[in-house]
């Protein structure tokens, strides 16, 4: 049994699946000069598909759509074009043919949790996981059931209890008993993590449980029903909102904790490439012709979200993935791009634009949140490109990775690694920029009075009244919000932890230790990190 983070080697079935899905990588030859005047031709360029010499000019003129436009479509569209992020989002989340609503299943089991102590070693543990995996039965011909597991399911309830201990410790330190314990979770899957968290709080911290409000934001209708069946009768405090976090429009004025566990890896990314002469970025489009075949083309960046990401990266001094010599010398760029068969565009880079949308949503609608996020920091067998995803499916009981994101919608998992150090920088920078309401005081809660003043003045005045010193590991205070001491020192900034570091801090490791001393809770998922 293989996890999503431990993929099998590429097998010959990949060719069969690629043909079945009619996935073609075309348009990488398109020149930037041609894009400026609507033509698709060039003298020399690298083209990975020798059977597709140029992008079809008709594809560039197809009707442009977004993933939101396609939500009511019951079949994958034809004769349209869309940004790469919209293609990925439609492939994964379309309610009628998307991967998650129609194909994906989360590995779970009705048996009791694993009894780790008597198991000899990690090999025996993996054999036991494989035995329970077989209960799903063998695949028939064609793409099989897309089953994958998470640490929540493998190590229940101990993994969920570690998450609960982390959140409760922070709540008791900062908010109890003056504020409710408010938790939001996105992508809650089968509800196992929420169940383990709430069971632990109820049993170990009953006074905190009485103040707990647990909200789930779930895009999948089928999973929302499963969560309701498993959770609401046992824990009436649970509320489930069946909607996308990107459509969230309710402001939460209370302090809260926001959980995103193995969710952002499936957030859609955009593809950009750089003109190697001018270093100007170009945004990637996917065109789908009348036969359902795919091609790509690139235009100057006009999308506001892509523009925002590029500007944010520039402010944070995160360099684009262009060779140093090309960035340093215009002369060298001219020489290089005039060489025969030299590409005029850089290698494709996948940028986390939907992750940026999440951070903006947190800033605008959850101003007093604390984020707990975990996901893959690296992945093997990715498609070509920078920060490229893994694209895989199950075929005849084998996990088959593919070499392109242009695959049949709904049949393939597409998931990305996350650069957690860059994510931390983005997150803290965005939170440092205050939300700008559309109208003065629109939908804003009445702020608390500062003990340092008798009027509603900005806390920035009070925070610098006694000293100009502000700790480097603290955020700028939210206006109107003070600490228990009355001093607006701001929230502690987030840090990045490896999976093992986080579990060593909060988990009861004796519960998952094997007979020979190995501990799969620490040894597995080494390509996973936490942001908290």
Protein backbone atom coordinates (compact mmCIF):
# COMPACT_ATOMS: atom_id res chain seq x y z
CA UNK A 1 0.00 0.00 0.00
CA UNK A 2 1.45 3.33 -1.04
CA UNK A 3 0.75 6.77 0.34
CA UNK A 4 0.45 9.82 -1.85
CA UNK A 5 3.87 10.94 -0.59
CA UNK A 6 5.56 7.60 -1.40
CA UNK A 7 4.74 6.97 -5.05
CA UNK A 8 5.65 3.88 -7.06
CA UNK A 9 8.03 4.13 -10.03
CA UNK A 10 6.67 5.03 -13.43
CA UNK A 11 5.24 1.97 -15.22
CA UNK A 12 4.32 1.14 -18.79
CA UNK A 13 0.62 1.65 -18.08
CA UNK A 14 1.25 5.42 -18.03
CA UNK A 15 1.43 5.41 -21.81
CA UNK A 16 -1.92 3.64 -22.06
CA UNK A 17 -3.54 6.13 -19.68
CA UNK A 18 -2.03 9.12 -21.46
CA UNK A 19 -3.52 7.88 -24.73
CA UNK A 20 -6.86 7.15 -23.08
CA UNK A 21 -7.01 10.69 -21.73
CA UNK A 22 -5.92 12.32 -25.01
CA UNK A 23 -3.56 14.58 -23.03
CA UNK A 24 -1.32 16.53 -25.36
CA UNK A 25 1.31 19.04 -24.35
CA UNK A 26 1.29 21.65 -27.09
CA UNK A 27 2.01 25.30 -27.46
CA UNK A 28 5.30 25.47 -25.57
CA UNK A 29 6.82 26.60 -28.84
CA UNK A 30 4.76 29.80 -28.94
CA UNK A 31 6.99 32.84 -29.13
CA UNK A 32 6.48 35.95 -27.05
CA UNK A 33 6.69 38.15 -30.16
CA UNK A 34 3.95 36.15 -31.79
CA UNK A 35 1.78 36.47 -28.72
CA UNK A 36 1.96 40.24 -28.93
CA UNK A 37 0.32 40.31 -32.35
CA UNK A 38 -1.89 37.23 -32.06
CA UNK A 39 0.31 34.96 -34.21
CA UNK A 40 1.75 31.64 -33.05
CA UNK A 41 5.00 31.15 -34.94
CA UNK A 42 8.70 31.33 -34.26
CA UNK A 43 12.04 30.51 -35.87
CA UNK A 44 13.57 28.34 -33.19
CA UNK A 45 12.25 27.03 -29.92
CA UNK A 46 12.17 23.93 -27.80
CA UNK A 47 9.07 21.81 -28.32
CA UNK A 48 8.64 18.61 -26.27
CA UNK A 49 6.02 17.31 -28.71
CA UNK A 50 7.39 16.98 -32.26
CA UNK A 51 3.93 16.16 -33.58
CA UNK A 52 2.52 19.56 -32.54
CA UNK A 53 4.72 22.15 -34.31
CA UNK A 54 2.68 25.25 -33.46
CA UNK A 55 -0.30 26.24 -31.38
CA UNK A 56 -3.52 26.28 -33.39
CA UNK A 57 -4.47 29.98 -33.77
CA UNK A 58 -8.13 29.05 -33.30
CA UNK A 59 -7.38 27.85 -29.76
CA UNK A 60 -6.23 31.31 -28.71
CA UNK A 61 -9.63 32.69 -29.75
CA UNK A 62 -11.79 30.17 -27.90
CA UNK A 63 -14.30 31.48 -25.37
CA UNK A 64 -12.56 32.08 -22.05
CA UNK A 65 -14.15 30.45 -18.97
CA UNK A 66 -13.34 29.97 -15.29
CA UNK A 67 -13.87 27.05 -12.93
CA UNK A 68 -16.84 28.91 -11.46
CA UNK A 69 -18.40 29.18 -14.92
CA UNK A 70 -18.18 25.40 -15.32
CA UNK A 71 -19.75 24.41 -11.99
CA UNK A 72 -23.11 23.67 -13.65
CA UNK A 73 -21.54 21.69 -16.53
CA UNK A 74 -22.22 17.96 -16.38
CA UNK A 75 -19.56 17.08 -18.95
CA UNK A 76 -16.04 18.44 -19.48
CA UNK A 77 -16.19 21.45 -21.81
CA UNK A 78 -14.92 21.76 -25.37
CA UNK A 79 -13.86 24.71 -27.51
CA UNK A 80 -12.97 26.84 -24.48
CA UNK A 81 -9.79 28.16 -22.90
CA UNK A 82 -8.99 28.93 -19.28
CA UNK A 83 -6.09 29.75 -16.99
CA UNK A 84 -4.16 26.73 -15.77
CA UNK A 85 -5.51 27.20 -12.24
CA UNK A 86 -9.09 27.09 -13.54
CA UNK A 87 -8.34 23.90 -15.47
CA UNK A 88 -6.86 22.25 -12.37
CA UNK A 89 -9.67 23.47 -10.12
CA UNK A 90 -12.32 22.25 -12.56
CA UNK A 91 -10.59 18.88 -12.87
CA UNK A 92 -10.44 18.39 -9.11
CA UNK A 93 -13.61 20.03 -7.79
CA UNK A 94 -16.30 20.21 -10.48
CA UNK A 95 -19.47 18.94 -8.72
CA UNK A 96 -20.44 16.65 -11.60
CA UNK A 97 -17.18 15.16 -12.93
CA UNK A 98 -14.44 16.42 -10.60
CA UNK A 99 -11.92 14.11 -8.97
CA UNK A 100 -12.94 14.75 -5.37
CA UNK A 101 -16.73 14.70 -5.75
CA UNK A 102 -16.77 11.62 -7.99
CA UNK A 103 -13.57 9.57 -7.72
CA UNK A 104 -11.57 10.10 -4.54
CA UNK A 105 -12.05 7.97 -1.45
CA UNK A 106 -10.25 8.47 1.84
CA UNK A 107 -8.79 5.31 3.31
CA UNK A 108 -10.55 4.52 6.55
CA UNK A 109 -11.52 1.36 8.34
CA UNK A 110 -14.27 0.19 10.65
CA UNK A 111 -11.89 -1.86 12.78
CA UNK A 112 -10.37 -0.54 15.98
CA UNK A 113 -7.34 1.72 15.82
CA UNK A 114 -3.99 0.01 15.27
CA UNK A 115 -2.47 -1.54 18.37
CA UNK A 116 1.08 -0.38 17.80
CA UNK A 117 2.77 -1.86 20.87
CA UNK A 118 2.71 -5.57 19.93
CA UNK A 119 3.83 -4.93 16.32
CA UNK A 120 7.46 -5.99 15.81
CA UNK A 121 8.56 -3.24 13.46
CA UNK A 122 7.52 -0.84 10.71
CA UNK A 123 7.37 -3.66 8.16
CA UNK A 124 4.66 -5.42 10.15
CA UNK A 125 2.80 -2.14 10.51
CA UNK A 126 2.84 -1.61 6.75
CA UNK A 127 1.66 -5.17 6.19
CA UNK A 128 -1.28 -4.55 8.52
CA UNK A 129 -2.15 -1.36 6.65
CA UNK A 130 -2.02 -3.28 3.36
CA UNK A 131 -4.31 -5.97 4.79
CA UNK A 132 -6.94 -3.41 5.71
CA UNK A 133 -6.45 -1.72 2.34
CA UNK A 134 -7.42 -4.97 0.61
CA UNK A 135 -10.90 -4.69 2.09
CA UNK A 136 -11.69 -2.24 -0.70
CA UNK A 137 -11.35 -5.05 -3.24
CA UNK A 138 -9.49 -5.20 -6.54
CA UNK A 139 -9.94 -2.70 -9.37
CA UNK A 140 -11.66 -3.65 -12.59
CA UNK A 141 -10.34 -2.60 -16.00
CA UNK A 142 -9.98 1.13 -16.48
CA UNK A 143 -9.08 3.79 -13.94
CA UNK A 144 -9.59 2.29 -10.49
CA UNK A 145 -10.98 3.74 -7.30
CA UNK A 146 -8.83 6.62 -6.18
CA UNK A 147 -8.06 5.65 -2.58
CA UNK A 148 -5.48 7.50 -0.51
CA UNK A 149 -4.74 7.73 3.16
CA UNK A 150 -3.81 10.49 5.57
CA UNK A 151 -1.94 10.51 8.89
CA UNK A 152 -5.26 11.30 10.56
CA UNK A 153 -6.63 7.91 9.50
CA UNK A 154 -3.45 5.88 9.95
CA UNK A 155 -2.71 7.13 13.45
CA UNK A 156 -6.18 7.76 14.81
CA UNK A 157 -6.94 8.85 17.44
CA UNK A 158 -3.40 9.80 18.48
CA UNK A 159 -2.71 12.15 15.57
CA UNK A 160 -5.93 14.06 16.18
CA UNK A 161 -5.19 14.21 19.90
CA UNK A 162 -1.81 15.82 19.15
CA UNK A 163 -3.58 18.51 17.09
CA UNK A 164 -6.10 19.00 19.91
CA UNK A 165 -3.35 19.32 22.52
CA UNK A 166 -1.66 21.99 20.44
CA UNK A 167 -4.85 24.03 20.09
CA UNK A 168 -5.99 23.61 23.69
CA UNK A 169 -2.59 24.64 25.04
CA UNK A 170 -2.70 27.85 23.05
CA UNK A 171 -6.31 28.53 24.02
CA UNK A 172 -5.70 28.02 27.74
CA UNK A 173 -2.66 30.25 27.61
CA UNK A 174 -4.32 33.17 25.85
CA UNK A 175 -8.13 33.12 25.94
CA UNK A 176 -9.63 30.90 28.63
CA UNK A 177 -12.05 31.65 30.31
CA UNK A 178 -12.86 34.99 28.68
CA UNK A 179 -13.37 33.80 25.09
CA UNK A 180 -15.03 30.78 23.52
CA UNK A 181 -12.86 28.09 21.95
CA UNK A 182 -13.69 28.60 18.26
CA UNK A 183 -12.22 26.22 15.66
CA UNK A 184 -12.61 26.29 11.87
CA UNK A 185 -11.51 23.37 9.71
CA UNK A 186 -11.44 23.24 5.92
CA UNK A 187 -11.34 19.98 3.97
CA UNK A 188 -12.37 17.83 6.92
CA UNK A 189 -12.56 14.63 4.86
CA UNK A 190 -14.52 11.89 6.64
CA UNK A 191 -14.62 13.95 9.82
CA UNK A 192 -12.11 11.74 11.63
CA UNK A 193 -9.83 14.58 12.70
CA UNK A 194 -12.72 16.64 14.05
CA UNK A 195 -14.08 13.60 15.90
CA UNK A 196 -10.70 12.82 17.50
CA UNK A 197 -10.16 16.47 18.49
CA UNK A 198 -13.59 16.88 20.06
CA UNK A 199 -13.49 13.50 21.84
CA UNK A 200 -10.15 14.44 23.38
CA UNK A 201 -11.33 17.88 24.51
CA UNK A 202 -14.55 16.44 25.95
CA UNK A 203 -12.69 13.75 27.91
CA UNK A 204 -9.59 15.68 29.02
CA UNK A 205 -10.78 19.29 29.20
CA UNK A 206 -14.53 19.29 29.91
CA UNK A 207 -14.50 22.96 30.97
CA UNK A 208 -12.98 23.86 27.59
CA UNK A 209 -15.42 21.59 25.74
CA UNK A 210 -18.31 23.59 27.17
CA UNK A 211 -16.87 26.69 25.47
CA UNK A 212 -16.04 24.94 22.16
CA UNK A 213 -17.59 25.85 18.79
CA UNK A 214 -16.38 23.71 15.86
CA UNK A 215 -17.05 24.88 12.29
CA UNK A 216 -16.31 22.82 9.16
CA UNK A 217 -16.12 24.44 5.72
CA UNK A 218 -16.50 21.65 3.14
CA UNK A 219 -16.67 21.99 -0.64
CA UNK A 220 -17.77 18.38 -1.26
CA UNK A 221 -21.46 17.67 -0.76
CA UNK A 222 -20.92 13.93 -0.23
CA UNK A 223 -18.23 14.50 2.39
CA UNK A 224 -20.37 17.13 4.12
CA UNK A 225 -23.12 14.49 4.54
CA UNK A 226 -20.63 11.98 5.96
CA UNK A 227 -19.33 14.59 8.40
CA UNK A 228 -22.84 15.45 9.52
CA UNK A 229 -23.69 11.80 10.13
CA UNK A 230 -20.51 11.10 12.09
CA UNK A 231 -20.23 14.29 14.11
CA UNK A 232 -23.40 16.24 14.73
CA UNK A 233 -25.20 13.66 16.87
CA UNK A 234 -22.13 13.01 19.02
CA UNK A 235 -20.96 16.61 19.22
CA UNK A 236 -23.84 19.10 18.81
CA UNK A 237 -21.30 21.92 18.82
CA UNK A 238 -20.32 21.07 15.22
CA UNK A 239 -21.64 23.24 12.39
CA UNK A 240 -20.99 22.32 8.75
CA UNK A 241 -21.03 24.84 5.90
CA UNK A 242 -21.19 23.23 2.45
CA UNK A 243 -19.27 25.79 0.41
CA UNK A 244 -15.81 26.63 -0.86
CA UNK A 245 -13.54 28.62 1.41
CA UNK A 246 -12.96 30.88 -1.60
CA UNK A 247 -16.65 31.82 -1.50
CA UNK A 248 -16.62 32.57 2.21
CA UNK A 249 -18.19 35.95 3.00
CA UNK A 250 -18.87 35.86 6.77
CA UNK A 251 -16.64 37.78 9.14
CA UNK A 252 -15.59 36.04 12.38
CA UNK A 253 -14.77 38.73 14.95
CA UNK A 254 -13.81 36.32 17.76
CA UNK A 255 -10.38 34.81 18.26
CA UNK A 256 -10.33 31.45 16.52
CA UNK A 257 -8.11 28.64 15.32
CA UNK A 258 -8.07 27.74 11.64
CA UNK A 259 -7.06 24.18 10.64
CA UNK A 260 -5.96 23.12 7.15
CA UNK A 261 -4.50 19.60 7.21
CA UNK A 262 -3.38 18.18 3.85
CA UNK A 263 -5.62 20.58 1.99
CA UNK A 264 -3.44 23.18 0.27
CA UNK A 265 -1.58 20.55 -1.78
CA UNK A 266 -4.74 20.26 -3.88
CA UNK A 267 -5.14 24.02 -4.25
CA UNK A 268 -4.96 25.03 -7.91
CA UNK A 269 -1.79 26.71 -9.16
CA UNK A 270 -1.17 28.93 -12.13
CA UNK A 271 1.58 28.31 -14.67
CA UNK A 272 3.86 31.16 -15.68
CA UNK A 273 6.94 31.35 -17.90
CA UNK A 274 9.40 34.18 -18.37
CA UNK A 275 10.50 35.77 -21.61
CA UNK A 276 14.25 35.09 -21.52
CA UNK A 277 14.98 38.31 -23.42
CA UNK A 278 13.04 40.75 -21.24
CA UNK A 279 12.36 38.63 -18.10
CA UNK A 280 8.68 39.57 -18.44
CA UNK A 281 6.29 36.92 -17.01
CA UNK A 282 3.61 35.30 -19.15
CA UNK A 283 0.50 33.50 -17.88
CA UNK A 284 -0.44 30.05 -19.14
CA UNK A 285 -3.78 29.06 -20.67
CA UNK A 286 -5.20 25.62 -21.42
CA UNK A 287 -7.26 25.35 -24.60
CA UNK A 288 -9.66 22.43 -25.14
CA UNK A 289 -10.64 21.76 -28.75
CA UNK A 290 -13.77 20.18 -30.18
CA UNK A 291 -12.37 16.67 -29.60
CA UNK A 292 -11.51 17.31 -25.96
CA UNK A 293 -7.77 17.51 -26.66
CA UNK A 294 -5.60 20.02 -24.80
CA UNK A 295 -2.99 22.57 -25.78
CA UNK A 296 -1.33 25.48 -24.02
CA UNK A 297 -0.50 29.04 -24.94
CA UNK A 298 0.88 32.03 -23.06
CA UNK A 299 -0.02 35.71 -22.92
CA UNK A 300 1.20 38.72 -20.99
CA UNK A 301 0.09 38.66 -17.36
CA UNK A 302 -3.29 40.36 -16.96
CA UNK A 303 -4.89 38.22 -14.25
CA UNK A 304 -5.14 40.21 -10.98
CA UNK A 305 -4.34 37.22 -8.75
CA UNK A 306 -1.22 36.29 -10.73
CA UNK A 307 -0.16 39.94 -10.69
CA UNK A 308 -0.66 40.11 -6.92
CA UNK A 309 1.45 37.02 -6.36
CA UNK A 310 4.30 38.29 -8.54
CA UNK A 311 4.27 41.65 -6.78
CA UNK A 312 4.20 39.99 -3.35
CA UNK A 313 7.11 37.76 -4.26
CA UNK A 314 9.08 40.77 -5.42
CA UNK A 315 8.43 42.58 -2.13
CA UNK A 316 9.59 39.53 -0.19
CA UNK A 317 12.76 39.21 -2.32
CA UNK A 318 11.86 35.68 -3.40
CA UNK A 319 13.68 35.41 -6.74
CA UNK A 320 11.98 33.93 -9.83
CA UNK A 321 13.45 30.61 -11.04
CA UNK A 322 15.67 32.07 -13.74
CA UNK A 323 19.40 31.24 -14.00
CA UNK A 324 21.56 33.85 -12.33
CA UNK A 325 23.58 34.67 -15.45
CA UNK A 326 20.42 35.35 -17.45
CA UNK A 327 19.09 37.67 -14.75
CA UNK A 328 22.38 39.53 -14.43
CA UNK A 329 23.25 40.26 -18.06
CA UNK A 330 21.04 41.45 -20.91
CA UNK A 331 23.88 40.73 -23.33
CA UNK A 332 24.11 37.13 -22.19
CA UNK A 333 20.34 36.78 -22.56
CA UNK A 334 20.52 38.01 -26.16
CA UNK A 335 23.31 35.59 -26.97
CA UNK A 336 21.54 32.69 -25.33
CA UNK A 337 18.13 33.23 -26.93
CA UNK A 338 19.69 33.56 -30.41
CA UNK A 339 21.29 30.14 -30.23
CA UNK A 340 19.66 27.52 -32.52
CA UNK A 341 16.94 25.54 -30.74
CA UNK A 342 17.25 27.65 -27.60
CA UNK A 343 13.93 28.25 -25.82
CA UNK A 344 12.64 31.80 -25.71
CA UNK A 345 10.61 31.08 -22.56
CA UNK A 346 11.81 29.77 -19.22
CA UNK A 347 10.74 26.40 -17.85
CA UNK A 348 7.15 26.40 -16.58
CA UNK A 349 6.72 27.49 -12.98
CA UNK A 350 3.62 26.66 -10.94
CA UNK A 351 2.74 29.46 -8.54
CA UNK A 352 0.32 28.99 -5.58
CA UNK A 353 -2.27 31.59 -6.48
CA UNK A 354 -5.14 29.80 -4.73
CA UNK A 355 -3.03 29.58 -1.59
CA UNK A 356 -2.65 33.34 -1.83
CA UNK A 357 -6.46 33.59 -2.04
CA UNK A 358 -6.73 31.60 1.18
CA UNK A 359 -4.33 33.92 3.01
CA UNK A 360 -6.28 36.96 1.86
CA UNK A 361 -9.54 35.33 3.02
CA UNK A 362 -8.03 34.66 6.44
CA UNK A 363 -6.89 38.25 6.75
CA UNK A 364 -10.21 39.73 5.67
CA UNK A 365 -12.73 37.39 7.33
CA UNK A 366 -10.83 35.89 10.27
CA UNK A 367 -8.80 38.84 11.61
CA UNK A 368 -8.07 37.19 14.98
CA UNK A 369 -7.30 33.67 13.76
CA UNK A 370 -4.33 31.42 14.46
CA UNK A 371 -3.46 29.18 11.51
CA UNK A 372 -2.43 25.52 11.89
CA UNK A 373 -1.50 24.15 8.46
CA UNK A 374 0.22 20.92 7.45
CA UNK A 375 1.09 19.49 4.06
CA UNK A 376 3.78 18.08 1.78
CA UNK A 377 7.00 20.11 1.59
CA UNK A 378 8.45 17.97 -1.23
CA UNK A 379 7.23 15.27 -3.60
CA UNK A 380 8.85 12.66 -5.87
CA UNK A 381 7.88 11.90 -9.47
CA UNK A 382 6.58 15.38 -10.23
CA UNK A 383 5.80 16.63 -13.73
CA UNK A 384 8.43 18.83 -15.45
CA UNK A 385 8.73 22.38 -14.17
CA UNK A 386 9.44 24.41 -11.06
CA UNK A 387 7.23 23.64 -8.03
CA UNK A 388 5.49 21.14 -10.31
CA UNK A 389 2.76 18.77 -9.11
CA UNK A 390 2.42 15.03 -8.95
CA UNK A 391 -0.30 13.84 -11.32
CA UNK A 392 -1.37 10.25 -10.67
CA UNK A 393 -4.20 7.76 -10.87
CA UNK A 394 -4.83 4.12 -9.97
CA UNK A 395 -4.98 1.68 -12.84
CA UNK A 396 -5.44 -2.08 -12.27
CA UNK A 397 -4.37 -1.74 -8.63
CA UNK A 398 -1.23 0.22 -9.51
CA UNK A 399 -0.48 3.87 -8.80
CA UNK A 400 0.58 5.47 -12.07
CA UNK A 401 2.23 8.91 -12.17
CA UNK A 402 1.85 10.99 -15.34
CA UNK A 403 4.11 13.59 -16.91
CA UNK A 404 1.63 16.41 -17.52
CA UNK A 405 -1.25 18.23 -15.84
CA UNK A 406 -3.23 18.04 -19.10
CA UNK A 407 -5.13 14.88 -18.27
CA UNK A 408 -8.74 13.75 -18.42
CA UNK A 409 -10.74 15.83 -15.96
CA UNK A 410 -11.82 13.99 -12.83
CA UNK A 411 -9.69 10.84 -13.15
CA UNK A 412 -6.39 12.12 -11.76
CA UNK A 413 -5.19 13.48 -8.46
CA UNK A 414 -3.15 16.67 -8.95
CA UNK A 415 -1.24 17.80 -5.88
CA UNK A 416 1.63 20.18 -5.25
CA UNK A 417 4.47 20.57 -2.75
CA UNK A 418 4.52 23.69 -0.58
CA UNK A 419 7.57 25.80 0.17
CA UNK A 420 6.81 26.38 3.84
CA UNK A 421 9.47 29.02 4.35
CA UNK A 422 8.05 31.08 1.49
CA UNK A 423 4.52 30.43 2.74
CA UNK A 424 5.45 31.74 6.19
CA UNK A 425 6.90 34.93 4.66
CA UNK A 426 3.80 35.45 2.50
CA UNK A 427 1.44 34.79 5.37
CA UNK A 428 3.10 37.17 7.81
CA UNK A 429 3.43 39.90 5.18
CA UNK A 430 -0.24 39.66 4.23
CA UNK A 431 -1.36 39.77 7.86
CA UNK A 432 0.76 42.87 8.38
CA UNK A 433 -1.34 44.67 5.77
CA UNK A 434 -4.63 45.75 7.38
CA UNK A 435 -7.88 44.98 5.63
CA UNK A 436 -9.39 47.91 3.80
CA UNK A 437 -13.19 47.93 4.29
CA UNK A 438 -15.26 49.00 1.31
CA UNK A 439 -17.02 51.60 3.42
CA UNK A 440 -16.00 53.06 6.76
CA UNK A 441 -16.77 50.63 9.58
CA UNK A 442 -18.53 48.27 7.17
CA UNK A 443 -19.35 44.90 8.78
CA UNK A 444 -16.69 45.48 11.42
CA UNK A 445 -17.33 44.55 15.06
CA UNK A 446 -17.14 47.26 17.66
CA UNK A 447 -13.51 47.23 18.81
CA UNK A 448 -12.57 46.99 22.44
CA UNK A 449 -11.38 50.02 24.29
CA UNK A 450 -7.72 50.06 25.13
CA UNK A 451 -6.89 50.41 28.83
CA UNK A 452 -4.26 52.90 27.74
CA UNK A 453 -6.76 55.44 26.51
CA UNK A 454 -10.27 56.68 27.24
CA UNK A 455 -11.25 57.08 23.60
CA UNK A 456 -11.34 54.93 20.49
CA UNK A 457 -7.86 55.78 19.22
CA UNK A 458 -5.69 53.45 17.15
CA UNK A 459 -3.76 51.05 19.29
CA UNK A 460 -0.60 51.90 17.44
CA UNK A 461 -0.49 55.05 19.57
CA UNK A 462 -0.82 53.11 22.80
CA UNK A 463 1.64 50.43 21.76
CA UNK A 464 4.43 52.99 21.37
CA UNK A 465 3.49 55.18 24.32
CA UNK A 466 6.00 53.71 26.77
CA UNK A 467 8.55 52.31 24.34
CA UNK A 468 9.25 52.20 20.62
CA UNK A 469 10.48 48.61 20.93
CA UNK A 470 8.35 45.95 19.25
CA UNK A 471 9.41 42.28 19.42
CA UNK A 472 10.49 40.96 16.03
CA UNK A 473 8.58 37.73 16.60
CA UNK A 474 5.26 39.54 17.13
CA UNK A 475 2.81 40.90 14.59
CA UNK A 476 1.53 44.45 14.61
CA UNK A 477 -1.50 44.52 16.96
CA UNK A 478 -4.99 44.43 15.49
CA UNK A 479 -6.55 47.80 16.14
CA UNK A 480 -8.95 47.65 19.06
CA UNK A 481 -7.57 44.37 20.44
CA UNK A 482 -5.35 44.18 23.53
CA UNK A 483 -3.66 41.37 25.39
CA UNK A 484 -4.65 40.17 28.84
CA UNK A 485 -2.02 42.51 30.27
CA UNK A 486 -3.59 45.49 28.52
CA UNK A 487 -0.58 46.01 26.25
CA UNK A 488 -1.18 45.59 22.50
CA UNK A 489 1.91 43.45 21.85
CA UNK A 490 0.39 41.54 18.93
CA UNK A 491 0.12 37.84 18.12
CA UNK A 492 3.21 35.64 17.97
CA UNK A 493 4.40 35.08 14.42
CA UNK A 494 4.11 31.63 12.87
CA UNK A 495 6.95 29.13 12.71
CA UNK A 496 7.70 26.13 10.49
CA UNK A 497 8.13 22.66 12.03
CA UNK A 498 8.92 19.28 10.55
CA UNK A 499 6.33 16.58 11.07
CA UNK A 500 8.54 14.87 13.67
CA UNK A 501 9.25 18.13 15.54
CA UNK A 502 5.55 18.90 15.85
CA UNK A 503 4.64 15.40 17.02
CA UNK A 504 7.49 15.29 19.53
CA UNK A 505 6.06 18.48 21.05
CA UNK A 506 2.36 17.59 21.25
CA UNK A 507 1.79 13.84 20.70
CA UNK A 508 1.78 11.02 23.25
CA UNK A 509 4.50 9.03 21.50
CA UNK A 510 4.10 6.02 23.78
CA UNK A 511 0.81 5.21 22.02
CA UNK A 512 2.43 4.72 18.60
CA UNK A 513 5.77 3.14 19.59
CA UNK A 514 6.42 -0.32 18.10
CA UNK A 515 7.95 -3.29 19.92
CA UNK A 516 11.46 -2.62 18.56
CA UNK A 517 11.33 1.07 19.51
CA UNK A 518 10.46 2.45 16.08
CA UNK A 519 7.72 5.05 15.97
CA UNK A 520 5.91 5.40 12.63
CA UNK A 521 4.23 8.61 13.82
CA UNK A 522 7.71 10.18 13.73
CA UNK A 523 9.33 8.15 10.95
CA UNK A 524 6.56 8.37 8.37
CA UNK A 525 5.66 11.57 6.48
CA UNK A 526 9.17 13.00 6.54
CA UNK A 527 8.22 15.13 3.53
CA UNK A 528 5.51 16.90 5.58
CA UNK A 529 5.83 20.15 7.52
CA UNK A 530 3.64 22.25 9.82
CA UNK A 531 3.02 25.99 9.95
CA UNK A 532 1.85 27.24 13.34
